[in-house]
Amino acid sequence: MAAEKTADEIQRDIEQARTSLASAVDQLAERTSPKRIVNDTKQNLIAKAKSPAGMAIIGGTAAALLGLLLFRILRGRSSA
């Protein structure tokens, strides 16, 4: 059979478990913090936008919007 623990050993085990649990809860709170999630997402989007592929997508979207705007302006003038 396992040796029985003394009250001091049990108390020490409880304190170690409490400390470990508090650390785990703090880590979870940090990882799930809304501010941290927003900041991480923002940084990821900025990094993607600055990549060559991101810049191409942004440039293509801007060109398409400009073309659509010009089309609507010119179409409006010709129907008046």
C-alpha atoms as a PDB file:
ATOM      1  CA  MET A   1       0.000   0.000   0.000  1.00  0.00           C
ATOM      2  CA  ALA A   2       1.011   3.581  -0.481  1.00  0.00           C
ATOM      3  CA  ALA A   3       2.455   5.373   2.491  1.00  0.00           C
ATOM      4  CA  GLU A   4       0.007   7.713   4.167  1.00  0.00           C
ATOM      5  CA  LYS A   5       0.770  11.392   3.857  1.00  0.00           C
ATOM      6  CA  THR A   6       1.085  13.709   6.785  1.00  0.00           C
ATOM      7  CA  ALA A   7      -1.094  16.773   7.142  1.00  0.00           C
ATOM      8  CA  ASP A   8       1.876  18.961   6.154  1.00  0.00           C
ATOM      9  CA  GLU A   9       2.458  16.950   2.981  1.00  0.00           C
ATOM     10  CA  ILE A  10      -1.222  17.163   2.052  1.00  0.00           C
ATOM     11  CA  GLN A  11      -1.189  20.916   2.703  1.00  0.00           C
ATOM     12  CA  ARG A  12       1.930  21.303   0.526  1.00  0.00           C
ATOM     13  CA  ASP A  13       0.275  19.294  -2.281  1.00  0.00           C
ATOM     14  CA  ILE A  14      -2.821  21.498  -2.065  1.00  0.00           C
ATOM     15  CA  GLU A  15      -0.723  24.678  -2.250  1.00  0.00           C
ATOM     16  CA  GLN A  16       1.209  23.355  -5.263  1.00  0.00           C
ATOM     17  CA  ALA A  17      -2.019  22.405  -7.009  1.00  0.00           C
ATOM     18  CA  ARG A  18      -3.528  25.820  -6.212  1.00  0.00           C
ATOM     19  CA  THR A  19      -0.460  27.614  -7.588  1.00  0.00           C
ATOM     20  CA  SER A  20      -0.484  25.481 -10.731  1.00  0.00           C
ATOM     21  CA  LEU A  21      -4.203  26.078 -11.257  1.00  0.00           C
ATOM     22  CA  ALA A  22      -3.834  29.837 -10.736  1.00  0.00           C
ATOM     23  CA  SER A  23      -1.058  29.927 -13.322  1.00  0.00           C
ATOM     24  CA  ALA A  24      -3.170  27.984 -15.828  1.00  0.00           C
ATOM     25  CA  VAL A  25      -6.141  30.310 -15.292  1.00  0.00           C
ATOM     26  CA  ASP A  26      -3.917  33.364 -15.784  1.00  0.00           C
ATOM     27  CA  GLN A  27      -2.563  31.925 -19.036  1.00  0.00           C
ATOM     28  CA  LEU A  28      -6.071  31.211 -20.311  1.00  0.00           C
ATOM     29  CA  ALA A  29      -7.231  34.702 -19.361  1.00  0.00           C
ATOM     30  CA  GLU A  30      -4.310  36.220 -21.257  1.00  0.00           C
ATOM     31  CA  ARG A  31      -4.835  34.080 -24.370  1.00  0.00           C
ATOM     32  CA  THR A  32      -8.576  34.788 -24.512  1.00  0.00           C
ATOM     33  CA  SER A  33      -8.381  38.496 -23.715  1.00  0.00           C
ATOM     34  CA  PRO A  34     -10.507  40.409 -26.256  1.00  0.00           C
ATOM     35  CA  LYS A  35      -7.905  43.189 -26.469  1.00  0.00           C
ATOM     36  CA  ARG A  36      -5.166  40.660 -27.185  1.00  0.00           C
ATOM     37  CA  ILE A  37      -7.258  38.870 -29.811  1.00  0.00           C
ATOM     38  CA  VAL A  38      -8.065  42.179 -31.540  1.00  0.00           C
ATOM     39  CA  ASN A  39      -4.423  43.258 -31.460  1.00  0.00           C
ATOM     40  CA  ASP A  40      -3.196  39.896 -32.790  1.00  0.00           C
ATOM     41  CA  THR A  41      -5.781  39.960 -35.591  1.00  0.00           C
ATOM     42  CA  LYS A  42      -4.883  43.542 -36.466  1.00  0.00           C
ATOM     43  CA  GLN A  43      -1.169  42.717 -36.628  1.00  0.00           C
ATOM     44  CA  ASN A  44      -1.870  39.648 -38.815  1.00  0.00           C
ATOM     45  CA  LEU A  45      -3.983  41.706 -41.228  1.00  0.00           C
ATOM     46  CA  ILE A  46      -1.335  44.426 -41.450  1.00  0.00           C
ATOM     47  CA  ALA A  47       1.347  41.830 -42.166  1.00  0.00           C
ATOM     48  CA  LYS A  48      -0.806  40.209 -44.873  1.00  0.00           C
ATOM     49  CA  ALA A  49      -1.614  43.589 -46.432  1.00  0.00           C
ATOM     50  CA  LYS A  50       2.091  44.436 -46.628  1.00  0.00           C
ATOM     51  CA  SER A  51       2.965  41.139 -48.325  1.00  0.00           C
ATOM     52  CA  PRO A  52       3.302  41.080 -52.133  1.00  0.00           C
ATOM     53  CA  ALA A  53       0.084  39.058 -52.470  1.00  0.00           C
ATOM     54  CA  GLY A  54      -1.772  41.422 -50.144  1.00  0.00           C
ATOM     55  CA  MET A  55      -0.562  44.474 -52.004  1.00  0.00           C
ATOM     56  CA  ALA A  56      -1.682  42.917 -55.307  1.00  0.00           C
ATOM     57  CA  ILE A  57      -5.150  42.228 -53.904  1.00  0.00           C
ATOM     58  CA  ILE A  58      -5.465  45.745 -52.516  1.00  0.00           C
ATOM     59  CA  GLY A  59      -4.246  47.252 -55.800  1.00  0.00           C
ATOM     60  CA  GLY A  60      -6.621  45.123 -57.847  1.00  0.00           C
ATOM     61  CA  THR A  61      -9.543  46.000 -55.620  1.00  0.00           C
ATOM     62  CA  ALA A  62      -8.732  49.712 -55.814  1.00  0.00           C
ATOM     63  CA  ALA A  63      -8.488  49.521 -59.615  1.00  0.00           C
ATOM     64  CA  ALA A  64     -11.805  47.681 -59.851  1.00  0.00           C
ATOM     65  CA  LEU A  65     -13.526  50.236 -57.615  1.00  0.00           C
ATOM     66  CA  LEU A  66     -12.065  53.111 -59.591  1.00  0.00           C
ATOM     67  CA  GLY A  67     -13.205  51.507 -62.845  1.00  0.00           C
ATOM     68  CA  LEU A  68     -16.707  50.991 -61.466  1.00  0.00           C
ATOM     69  CA  LEU A  69     -16.854  54.578 -60.246  1.00  0.00           C
ATOM     70  CA  LEU A  70     -15.733  55.939 -63.619  1.00  0.00           C
ATOM     71  CA  PHE A  71     -18.220  53.687 -65.422  1.00  0.00           C
ATOM     72  CA  ARG A  72     -21.099  54.978 -63.284  1.00  0.00           C
ATOM     73  CA  ILE A  73     -20.019  58.603 -63.732  1.00  0.00           C
ATOM     74  CA  LEU A  74     -19.685  58.278 -67.507  1.00  0.00           C
ATOM     75  CA  ARG A  75     -22.921  56.306 -67.826  1.00  0.00           C
ATOM     76  CA  GLY A  76     -24.752  58.966 -65.843  1.00  0.00           C
ATOM     77  CA  ARG A  77     -23.486  61.722 -68.132  1.00  0.00           C
ATOM     78  CA  SER A  78     -24.417  59.934 -71.326  1.00  0.00           C
ATOM     79  CA  SER A  79     -28.011  59.265 -70.225  1.00  0.00           C
ATOM     80  CA  ALA A  80     -28.673  62.875 -69.247  1.00  0.00           C
END
